[in-house]
Amino acid sequence: MTPEQRAMRARIAAHSRWAKESDPQAATAPARRASMERFEREVDPGGTLPSAERSLRAEHARKAYMQRLALRSSQARRKRTTPPARS
C-alpha cells in the first residue's frame, strides 16, 4: 500500500469514527485534560503555584508549543516548495 493510500484509509477511518460520535467534545475531553495537565506539570513541576496562576501559565505554554509546531510546519512547507538554488 502506498503512503497516499494509507493516508486515505486513515482519513476514512477518522471520518467514520466521528460520524458515529454523538458528542465529539465529550469524547476528546480526557485527551484535552491530559494535555493541559502536561503543560501544568511543565510550568509548575513542584505544584507550588496557585491553581489560577498555574492554569494561566499552562495555557501560555500550550500556545507557545502550538506556535512552535506551526513554525516548523511552515518551514517544512517552504522547504518543499522552494526550488534549490543554482550554483
Protein backbone atom coordinates (compact mmCIF):
# COMPACT_ATOMS: atom_id res chain seq x y z
CA MET A 1 0.00 0.00 0.00
CA THR A 2 1.40 3.42 -0.93
CA PRO A 3 1.74 6.22 1.63
CA GLU A 4 -1.10 8.06 -0.12
CA GLN A 5 -3.36 5.02 0.16
CA ARG A 6 -2.51 4.59 3.85
CA ALA A 7 -3.32 8.24 4.47
CA MET A 8 -6.61 7.89 2.61
CA ARG A 9 -7.51 4.80 4.63
CA ALA A 10 -6.73 6.68 7.85
CA ARG A 11 -8.93 9.62 6.79
CA ILE A 12 -11.79 7.23 6.00
CA ALA A 13 -11.43 5.64 9.44
CA ALA A 14 -11.37 9.03 11.17
CA HIS A 15 -14.44 10.28 9.33
CA SER A 16 -16.27 7.03 10.07
CA ARG A 17 -15.41 7.28 13.76
CA TRP A 18 -16.59 10.88 14.10
CA ALA A 19 -19.74 10.23 12.08
CA LYS A 20 -20.83 7.82 14.83
CA GLU A 21 -19.98 10.12 17.76
CA SER A 22 -22.94 11.92 19.32
CA ASP A 23 -20.77 14.23 21.47
CA PRO A 24 -17.29 14.78 19.97
CA GLN A 25 -16.31 17.24 22.67
CA ALA A 26 -17.01 14.72 25.44
CA ALA A 27 -15.12 12.04 23.51
CA THR A 28 -11.96 14.16 23.39
CA ALA A 29 -12.25 15.61 26.92
CA PRO A 30 -9.88 13.08 28.56
CA ALA A 31 -7.17 13.80 25.96
CA ARG A 32 -7.55 17.57 26.33
CA ARG A 33 -7.42 17.26 30.12
CA ALA A 34 -4.25 15.12 29.95
CA SER A 35 -2.66 17.63 27.58
CA MET A 36 -3.32 20.54 29.92
CA GLU A 37 -2.03 18.51 32.89
CA ARG A 38 1.21 18.01 30.96
CA PHE A 39 1.63 21.76 30.47
CA GLU A 40 0.73 22.41 34.12
CA ARG A 41 3.48 19.99 35.23
CA GLU A 42 5.86 21.71 32.82
CA VAL A 43 5.27 25.20 34.24
CA ASP A 44 4.92 24.14 37.89
CA PRO A 45 6.73 20.85 38.47
CA GLY A 46 6.59 21.24 42.25
CA GLY A 47 2.90 22.15 42.33
CA THR A 48 3.56 25.28 44.38
CA LEU A 49 1.72 27.88 42.31
CA PRO A 50 -1.89 28.84 42.98
CA SER A 51 -4.28 26.97 40.69
CA ALA A 52 -5.31 30.07 38.71
CA GLU A 53 -1.68 31.09 38.08
CA ARG A 54 -0.69 27.54 37.09
CA SER A 55 -3.61 27.37 34.63
CA LEU A 56 -2.70 30.73 33.10
CA ARG A 57 0.94 29.75 32.67
CA ALA A 58 -0.03 26.34 31.29
CA GLU A 59 -2.24 28.00 28.69
CA HIS A 60 0.69 30.20 27.61
CA ALA A 61 2.95 27.12 27.45
CA ARG A 62 0.34 25.36 25.29
CA LYS A 63 0.09 28.34 22.94
CA ALA A 64 3.89 28.55 22.65
CA TYR A 65 4.01 24.81 21.84
CA MET A 66 1.38 25.21 19.13
CA GLN A 67 3.20 28.20 17.65
CA ARG A 68 6.45 26.20 17.52
CA LEU A 69 4.59 23.42 15.67
CA ALA A 70 3.13 25.97 13.24
CA LEU A 71 6.56 27.49 12.63
CA ARG A 72 8.14 24.10 11.90
CA SER A 73 5.24 23.22 9.61
CA SER A 74 5.65 26.49 7.73
CA GLN A 75 9.38 25.94 7.38
CA ALA A 76 8.85 22.39 6.09
CA ARG A 77 6.27 23.56 3.54
CA ARG A 78 8.59 26.30 2.31
CA LYS A 79 11.46 23.85 2.04
CA ARG A 80 9.32 21.51 -0.09
CA THR A 81 8.10 24.25 -2.44
CA THR A 82 11.26 26.35 -2.81
CA PRO A 83 13.39 25.21 -5.74
CA PRO A 84 17.03 24.52 -4.88
CA ALA A 85 19.46 27.39 -5.51
CA ARG A 86 21.60 27.11 -8.63
CA SER A 87 25.36 27.09 -8.27
